[in-house]
Structure formats: C-alpha cells, structure tokens
Amino acid sequence: MKKTILILSAVLMSMSAMAQVEFGVKAGFDMTNFWGENVPHGMKPSYQAGVFMEYHFNDKVAIAPEVTFASQGGKFKMAQDVLGIDVTSLGLKDVDVTYNTNYVNVPVMLKFYATPSFSIDLGPQVGFNVYSKATAEDKTMDLKDGTKTVDFGAGIGATYHLTENVFVQGRYTMGFTNVFDKGEAKNGNIQLAFGYKF
C-alpha cells in the first residue's frame, strides 16, 4: 500500500513538473441567434469578454476552463408567438424584434495542438442567464421570468497564436437547452475573439 502511494505521488509530482499553467483574458465579436424547429434564424451582432486558465498536460494536449460574459439572443421579424413569448403584448405587430438573452458562460475546452501555435478546441459549456428582454421599436418587455436560468451546450473551434502571448480564436457554440419556458428556441453563437496570455 505504501509503495502504491509513493508511486502515485511520484507520478503526480512529475505530471505537475511537466505541466504548464497559463492565465489570460479574451474579448471579441459574436453573431448570435436561436435555432430549433419553426424558429426564425435571425442573427444579432453581439460581444463577449472573459478570463481563462490553460493547463498543459504536454505539448499536444491542454484543458482550458473559461468564465465569460456573452450577450446573446436573436433579431428577426416577429408576427406570431413562435418563441412562446406574446410579443403582441407590446402593442406591435409584424415588426423587427430583438431578443437579448445575456449569460455568464463557463466553457471547459479540451485543446489539441496540431502545431505549437495552432489548436483545435472542443468541449462542454454551461451558461447562467443574467438578463433577458425583447425590444421592438421603442418598447421593451422583460422576459426574465419566462427564461430558463441554466443553458447547457457545447463548443468547437480553433485558436491560432499570433505571438507567444497574443492569439485569435474562432468558435461555434450550440445550446442544447430551450432558452424559454415555452417554445423550442436554443442558443447559437458564432464567436471571433482576440486574447492575451500572461
């Protein structure tokens, strides 16, 4: 038993010695929408910003948990109740409606480095809704009570290092959870971000 503990300790210490931990910040431009059956796919320009940690197991594999704030939602012409939200209560009909559903997202990306400067990234994501409103012309409706608090999804993308510290990152995240209590709208998010590693 003592030998097993000693061997495990030696393995863990050697892994820690070989591993490298990096921290950084990132921010970028997003194009967001809702997807699902009978859901319009209107894109909305948005943004994201956050922090991350990257833990290198070796020179080929790393794991990178993040905490980011992301403005999400969609924008499209709404004439009916396809998202389970009665936009006609705004006193408008057949107008452009912008849905703002903002989240604090926590993705955990597994990174596979094809080269020292380029990685393929994929992993799960959980998001926590902090703001949910619909706006049509000059009228706004609070949707917080009809919006689910937690959003589960996954992301896939790539990261390219311009320098040792500066990188550009592209990613698509797809939500698997319905955004609202009614309807089948799920989050979709195309991201382009720039980041800096300390």
C-alpha atoms as a PDB file:
ATOM      1  CA  MET A   1       0.000   0.000   0.000  1.00  0.00           C
ATOM      2  CA  LYS A   2       2.817   2.392   0.931  1.00  0.00           C
ATOM      3  CA  LYS A   3       4.611   1.570  -2.324  1.00  0.00           C
ATOM      4  CA  THR A   4       1.441   2.343  -4.302  1.00  0.00           C
ATOM      5  CA  ILE A   5       1.030   5.703  -2.566  1.00  0.00           C
ATOM      6  CA  LEU A   6       4.703   6.549  -3.187  1.00  0.00           C
ATOM      7  CA  ILE A   7       4.413   5.630  -6.866  1.00  0.00           C
ATOM      8  CA  LEU A   8       1.202   7.674  -7.268  1.00  0.00           C
ATOM      9  CA  SER A   9       2.816  10.647  -5.528  1.00  0.00           C
ATOM     10  CA  ALA A  10       5.854  10.425  -7.796  1.00  0.00           C
ATOM     11  CA  VAL A  11       3.636  10.263 -10.900  1.00  0.00           C
ATOM     12  CA  LEU A  12       1.555  13.269  -9.769  1.00  0.00           C
ATOM     13  CA  MET A  13       4.674  15.313  -8.953  1.00  0.00           C
ATOM     14  CA  SER A  14       6.237  14.512 -12.313  1.00  0.00           C
ATOM     15  CA  MET A  15       2.984  15.475 -14.069  1.00  0.00           C
ATOM     16  CA  SER A  16       2.906  18.757 -12.148  1.00  0.00           C
ATOM     17  CA  ALA A  17       6.501  19.441 -13.054  1.00  0.00           C
ATOM     18  CA  MET A  18       5.846  18.801 -16.744  1.00  0.00           C
ATOM     19  CA  ALA A  19       2.562  20.679 -16.812  1.00  0.00           C
ATOM     20  CA  GLN A  20       2.340  24.373 -17.548  1.00  0.00           C
ATOM     21  CA  VAL A  21      -0.424  26.670 -16.369  1.00  0.00           C
ATOM     22  CA  GLU A  22      -1.251  29.915 -18.176  1.00  0.00           C
ATOM     23  CA  PHE A  23      -3.832  32.617 -17.455  1.00  0.00           C
ATOM     24  CA  GLY A  24      -5.287  35.200 -19.779  1.00  0.00           C
ATOM     25  CA  VAL A  25      -8.087  37.455 -20.939  1.00  0.00           C
ATOM     26  CA  LYS A  26     -10.159  37.446 -24.138  1.00  0.00           C
ATOM     27  CA  ALA A  27     -12.782  39.604 -25.823  1.00  0.00           C
ATOM     28  CA  GLY A  28     -14.486  39.565 -29.171  1.00  0.00           C
ATOM     29  CA  PHE A  29     -17.341  39.913 -31.593  1.00  0.00           C
ATOM     30  CA  ASP A  30     -20.214  37.428 -31.812  1.00  0.00           C
ATOM     31  CA  MET A  31     -23.100  36.721 -34.169  1.00  0.00           C
ATOM     32  CA  THR A  32     -25.882  35.082 -32.162  1.00  0.00           C
ATOM     33  CA  ASN A  33     -29.252  33.546 -32.980  1.00  0.00           C
ATOM     34  CA  PHE A  34     -31.830  30.993 -31.867  1.00  0.00           C
ATOM     35  CA  TRP A  35     -32.178  27.625 -33.563  1.00  0.00           C
ATOM     36  CA  GLY A  36     -34.876  24.979 -33.399  1.00  0.00           C
ATOM     37  CA  GLU A  37     -37.957  23.746 -35.220  1.00  0.00           C
ATOM     38  CA  ASN A  38     -40.114  26.620 -36.517  1.00  0.00           C
ATOM     39  CA  VAL A  39     -37.722  29.203 -35.045  1.00  0.00           C
ATOM     40  CA  PRO A  40     -36.531  32.095 -37.262  1.00  0.00           C
ATOM     41  CA  HIS A  41     -32.736  32.189 -37.571  1.00  0.00           C
ATOM     42  CA  GLY A  42     -32.163  35.954 -37.479  1.00  0.00           C
ATOM     43  CA  MET A  43     -28.618  36.888 -36.455  1.00  0.00           C
ATOM     44  CA  LYS A  44     -27.827  39.580 -33.877  1.00  0.00           C
ATOM     45  CA  PRO A  45     -24.407  41.272 -33.567  1.00  0.00           C
ATOM     46  CA  SER A  46     -23.151  40.768 -30.014  1.00  0.00           C
ATOM     47  CA  TYR A  47     -19.991  40.619 -27.913  1.00  0.00           C
ATOM     48  CA  GLN A  48     -18.160  38.561 -25.302  1.00  0.00           C
ATOM     49  CA  ALA A  49     -15.411  39.131 -22.735  1.00  0.00           C
ATOM     50  CA  GLY A  50     -13.848  36.989 -20.069  1.00  0.00           C
ATOM     51  CA  VAL A  51     -10.909  35.245 -18.427  1.00  0.00           C
ATOM     52  CA  PHE A  52      -9.432  31.763 -18.788  1.00  0.00           C
ATOM     53  CA  MET A  53      -6.857  29.327 -17.472  1.00  0.00           C
ATOM     54  CA  GLU A  54      -4.984  26.871 -19.693  1.00  0.00           C
ATOM     55  CA  TYR A  55      -3.418  23.768 -18.181  1.00  0.00           C
ATOM     56  CA  HIS A  56      -0.956  21.909 -20.430  1.00  0.00           C
ATOM     57  CA  PHE A  57      -0.654  18.177 -19.842  1.00  0.00           C
ATOM     58  CA  ASN A  58       2.068  18.086 -22.501  1.00  0.00           C
ATOM     59  CA  ASP A  59       2.958  19.974 -25.688  1.00  0.00           C
ATOM     60  CA  LYS A  60      -0.030  18.438 -27.544  1.00  0.00           C
ATOM     61  CA  VAL A  61      -2.946  18.457 -25.080  1.00  0.00           C
ATOM     62  CA  ALA A  62      -4.331  21.115 -22.736  1.00  0.00           C
ATOM     63  CA  ILE A  63      -7.566  21.923 -20.943  1.00  0.00           C
ATOM     64  CA  ALA A  64      -8.881  25.475 -20.756  1.00  0.00           C
ATOM     65  CA  PRO A  65     -11.779  26.436 -18.467  1.00  0.00           C
ATOM     66  CA  GLU A  66     -13.177  29.933 -19.063  1.00  0.00           C
ATOM     67  CA  VAL A  67     -15.582  32.370 -17.447  1.00  0.00           C
ATOM     68  CA  THR A  68     -17.050  34.797 -19.998  1.00  0.00           C
ATOM     69  CA  PHE A  69     -19.890  37.271 -20.199  1.00  0.00           C
ATOM     70  CA  ALA A  70     -21.728  36.923 -23.515  1.00  0.00           C
ATOM     71  CA  SER A  71     -24.540  38.993 -24.964  1.00  0.00           C
ATOM     72  CA  GLN A  72     -26.716  36.504 -26.854  1.00  0.00           C
ATOM     73  CA  GLY A  73     -30.159  36.318 -28.440  1.00  0.00           C
ATOM     74  CA  GLY A  74     -31.547  36.915 -31.921  1.00  0.00           C
ATOM     75  CA  LYS A  75     -33.132  39.511 -34.181  1.00  0.00           C
ATOM     76  CA  PHE A  76     -35.938  38.865 -36.665  1.00  0.00           C
ATOM     77  CA  LYS A  77     -39.369  39.924 -37.815  1.00  0.00           C
ATOM     78  CA  MET A  78     -41.957  38.527 -35.438  1.00  0.00           C
ATOM     79  CA  ALA A  79     -45.643  38.280 -36.256  1.00  0.00           C
ATOM     80  CA  GLN A  80     -46.581  35.361 -34.016  1.00  0.00           C
ATOM     81  CA  ASP A  81     -45.806  33.512 -30.808  1.00  0.00           C
ATOM     82  CA  VAL A  82     -43.097  31.123 -32.134  1.00  0.00           C
ATOM     83  CA  LEU A  83     -40.804  31.532 -29.113  1.00  0.00           C
ATOM     84  CA  GLY A  84     -43.560  31.144 -26.564  1.00  0.00           C
ATOM     85  CA  ILE A  85     -43.450  34.890 -25.899  1.00  0.00           C
ATOM     86  CA  ASP A  86     -46.501  37.011 -26.691  1.00  0.00           C
ATOM     87  CA  VAL A  87     -44.767  39.942 -28.403  1.00  0.00           C
ATOM     88  CA  THR A  88     -48.144  41.303 -29.452  1.00  0.00           C
ATOM     89  CA  SER A  89     -48.488  42.455 -25.829  1.00  0.00           C
ATOM     90  CA  LEU A  90     -46.012  45.175 -26.821  1.00  0.00           C
ATOM     91  CA  GLY A  91     -48.824  46.668 -28.905  1.00  0.00           C
ATOM     92  CA  LEU A  92     -46.947  45.964 -32.142  1.00  0.00           C
ATOM     93  CA  LYS A  93     -47.397  43.501 -34.983  1.00  0.00           C
ATOM     94  CA  ASP A  94     -45.110  42.247 -37.758  1.00  0.00           C
ATOM     95  CA  VAL A  95     -42.095  44.300 -36.626  1.00  0.00           C
ATOM     96  CA  ASP A  96     -38.419  43.593 -36.019  1.00  0.00           C
ATOM     97  CA  VAL A  97     -37.950  42.184 -32.538  1.00  0.00           C
ATOM     98  CA  THR A  98     -34.539  41.936 -30.844  1.00  0.00           C
ATOM     99  CA  TYR A  99     -34.128  39.327 -28.122  1.00  0.00           C
ATOM    100  CA  ASN A 100     -31.288  40.000 -25.662  1.00  0.00           C
ATOM    101  CA  THR A 101     -30.522  36.945 -23.532  1.00  0.00           C
ATOM    102  CA  ASN A 102     -27.219  37.540 -21.778  1.00  0.00           C
ATOM    103  CA  TYR A 103     -25.233  34.847 -19.976  1.00  0.00           C
ATOM    104  CA  VAL A 104     -22.230  34.181 -17.822  1.00  0.00           C
ATOM    105  CA  ASN A 105     -20.819  31.167 -19.683  1.00  0.00           C
ATOM    106  CA  VAL A 106     -18.388  28.585 -18.325  1.00  0.00           C
ATOM    107  CA  PRO A 107     -16.946  26.504 -21.183  1.00  0.00           C
ATOM    108  CA  VAL A 108     -14.304  23.850 -20.499  1.00  0.00           C
ATOM    109  CA  MET A 109     -12.361  23.337 -23.715  1.00  0.00           C
ATOM    110  CA  LEU A 110     -10.071  20.421 -24.469  1.00  0.00           C
ATOM    111  CA  LYS A 111      -7.318  21.726 -26.759  1.00  0.00           C
ATOM    112  CA  PHE A 112      -5.363  19.575 -29.216  1.00  0.00           C
ATOM    113  CA  TYR A 113      -2.247  21.340 -30.527  1.00  0.00           C
ATOM    114  CA  ALA A 114      -1.560  20.386 -34.146  1.00  0.00           C
ATOM    115  CA  THR A 115       1.427  22.762 -34.070  1.00  0.00           C
ATOM    116  CA  PRO A 116       2.892  24.864 -31.236  1.00  0.00           C
ATOM    117  CA  SER A 117       0.798  27.834 -32.428  1.00  0.00           C
ATOM    118  CA  PHE A 118      -2.454  26.165 -33.589  1.00  0.00           C
ATOM    119  CA  SER A 119      -5.012  24.137 -31.627  1.00  0.00           C
ATOM    120  CA  ILE A 120      -8.383  22.529 -32.257  1.00  0.00           C
ATOM    121  CA  ASP A 121     -10.703  23.226 -29.302  1.00  0.00           C
ATOM    122  CA  LEU A 122     -13.876  21.436 -28.209  1.00  0.00           C
ATOM    123  CA  GLY A 123     -15.811  20.884 -25.014  1.00  0.00           C
ATOM    124  CA  PRO A 124     -18.984  21.388 -22.970  1.00  0.00           C
ATOM    125  CA  GLN A 125     -20.394  24.702 -21.786  1.00  0.00           C
ATOM    126  CA  VAL A 126     -22.851  25.750 -19.099  1.00  0.00           C
ATOM    127  CA  GLY A 127     -24.391  29.224 -19.129  1.00  0.00           C
ATOM    128  CA  PHE A 128     -26.233  31.176 -16.438  1.00  0.00           C
ATOM    129  CA  ASN A 129     -28.805  33.679 -17.659  1.00  0.00           C
ATOM    130  CA  VAL A 130     -28.453  37.156 -16.123  1.00  0.00           C
ATOM    131  CA  TYR A 131     -30.621  39.281 -18.449  1.00  0.00           C
ATOM    132  CA  SER A 132     -33.488  38.527 -20.797  1.00  0.00           C
ATOM    133  CA  LYS A 133     -35.548  41.119 -22.668  1.00  0.00           C
ATOM    134  CA  ALA A 134     -37.296  41.625 -26.009  1.00  0.00           C
ATOM    135  CA  THR A 135     -37.257  45.019 -27.719  1.00  0.00           C
ATOM    136  CA  ALA A 136     -39.481  46.130 -30.606  1.00  0.00           C
ATOM    137  CA  GLU A 137     -39.034  49.686 -31.843  1.00  0.00           C
ATOM    138  CA  ASP A 138     -39.089  51.780 -28.653  1.00  0.00           C
ATOM    139  CA  LYS A 139     -40.844  49.224 -26.432  1.00  0.00           C
ATOM    140  CA  THR A 140     -39.188  46.618 -24.192  1.00  0.00           C
ATOM    141  CA  MET A 141     -40.600  43.560 -22.448  1.00  0.00           C
ATOM    142  CA  ASP A 142     -38.814  41.812 -19.563  1.00  0.00           C
ATOM    143  CA  LEU A 143     -38.564  38.063 -20.259  1.00  0.00           C
ATOM    144  CA  LYS A 144     -36.575  37.058 -17.168  1.00  0.00           C
ATOM    145  CA  ASP A 145     -39.446  35.156 -15.529  1.00  0.00           C
ATOM    146  CA  GLY A 146     -40.041  33.158 -18.730  1.00  0.00           C
ATOM    147  CA  THR A 147     -36.351  32.397 -19.398  1.00  0.00           C
ATOM    148  CA  LYS A 148     -34.586  29.303 -18.077  1.00  0.00           C
ATOM    149  CA  THR A 149     -31.754  30.081 -15.674  1.00  0.00           C
ATOM    150  CA  VAL A 150     -29.275  27.468 -16.942  1.00  0.00           C
ATOM    151  CA  ASP A 151     -28.236  26.692 -20.518  1.00  0.00           C
ATOM    152  CA  PHE A 152     -26.249  23.557 -21.412  1.00  0.00           C
ATOM    153  CA  GLY A 153     -24.344  23.309 -24.673  1.00  0.00           C
ATOM    154  CA  ALA A 154     -21.038  22.572 -26.381  1.00  0.00           C
ATOM    155  CA  GLY A 155     -18.498  24.407 -28.465  1.00  0.00           C
ATOM    156  CA  ILE A 156     -15.985  23.645 -31.201  1.00  0.00           C
ATOM    157  CA  GLY A 157     -13.386  25.913 -32.753  1.00  0.00           C
ATOM    158  CA  ALA A 158      -9.715  26.713 -33.154  1.00  0.00           C
ATOM    159  CA  THR A 159      -7.056  29.001 -31.707  1.00  0.00           C
ATOM    160  CA  TYR A 160      -4.083  30.481 -33.553  1.00  0.00           C
ATOM    161  CA  HIS A 161      -1.248  32.209 -31.703  1.00  0.00           C
ATOM    162  CA  LEU A 162      -0.001  35.323 -33.493  1.00  0.00           C
ATOM    163  CA  THR A 163       2.788  35.638 -30.917  1.00  0.00           C
ATOM    164  CA  GLU A 164       3.682  33.723 -27.751  1.00  0.00           C
ATOM    165  CA  ASN A 165       1.125  35.795 -25.815  1.00  0.00           C
ATOM    166  CA  VAL A 166      -1.414  37.052 -28.388  1.00  0.00           C
ATOM    167  CA  PHE A 167      -3.937  34.798 -30.114  1.00  0.00           C
ATOM    168  CA  VAL A 168      -7.040  34.872 -32.289  1.00  0.00           C
ATOM    169  CA  GLN A 169      -9.844  32.382 -31.700  1.00  0.00           C
ATOM    170  CA  GLY A 170     -12.887  31.246 -33.659  1.00  0.00           C
ATOM    171  CA  ARG A 171     -15.649  29.126 -32.129  1.00  0.00           C
ATOM    172  CA  TYR A 172     -19.224  27.992 -32.602  1.00  0.00           C
ATOM    173  CA  THR A 173     -21.285  27.149 -29.528  1.00  0.00           C
ATOM    174  CA  MET A 174     -24.617  25.352 -29.720  1.00  0.00           C
ATOM    175  CA  GLY A 175     -27.089  25.259 -26.852  1.00  0.00           C
ATOM    176  CA  PHE A 176     -28.988  22.035 -26.135  1.00  0.00           C
ATOM    177  CA  THR A 177     -31.446  23.551 -23.647  1.00  0.00           C
ATOM    178  CA  ASN A 178     -34.556  25.528 -24.581  1.00  0.00           C
ATOM    179  CA  VAL A 179     -33.929  29.174 -23.732  1.00  0.00           C
ATOM    180  CA  PHE A 180     -37.515  29.957 -22.720  1.00  0.00           C
ATOM    181  CA  ASP A 181     -40.025  28.034 -20.614  1.00  0.00           C
ATOM    182  CA  LYS A 182     -42.227  27.810 -23.737  1.00  0.00           C
ATOM    183  CA  GLY A 183     -41.124  27.106 -27.297  1.00  0.00           C
ATOM    184  CA  GLU A 184     -38.091  25.265 -28.660  1.00  0.00           C
ATOM    185  CA  ALA A 185     -35.588  28.072 -29.190  1.00  0.00           C
ATOM    186  CA  LYS A 186     -31.966  27.178 -28.374  1.00  0.00           C
ATOM    187  CA  ASN A 187     -28.870  29.380 -28.386  1.00  0.00           C
ATOM    188  CA  GLY A 188     -26.408  29.520 -31.267  1.00  0.00           C
ATOM    189  CA  ASN A 189     -23.267  31.648 -31.152  1.00  0.00           C
ATOM    190  CA  ILE A 190     -20.515  32.291 -33.713  1.00  0.00           C
ATOM    191  CA  GLN A 191     -17.520  33.842 -31.938  1.00  0.00           C
ATOM    192  CA  LEU A 192     -14.400  35.649 -33.083  1.00  0.00           C
ATOM    193  CA  ALA A 193     -12.171  36.676 -30.195  1.00  0.00           C
ATOM    194  CA  PHE A 194      -8.713  38.042 -29.501  1.00  0.00           C
ATOM    195  CA  GLY A 195      -6.874  37.116 -26.328  1.00  0.00           C
ATOM    196  CA  TYR A 196      -3.731  37.658 -24.333  1.00  0.00           C
ATOM    197  CA  LYS A 197      -1.870  35.129 -22.168  1.00  0.00           C
ATOM    198  CA  PHE A 198       0.089  36.429 -19.206  1.00  0.00           C
END
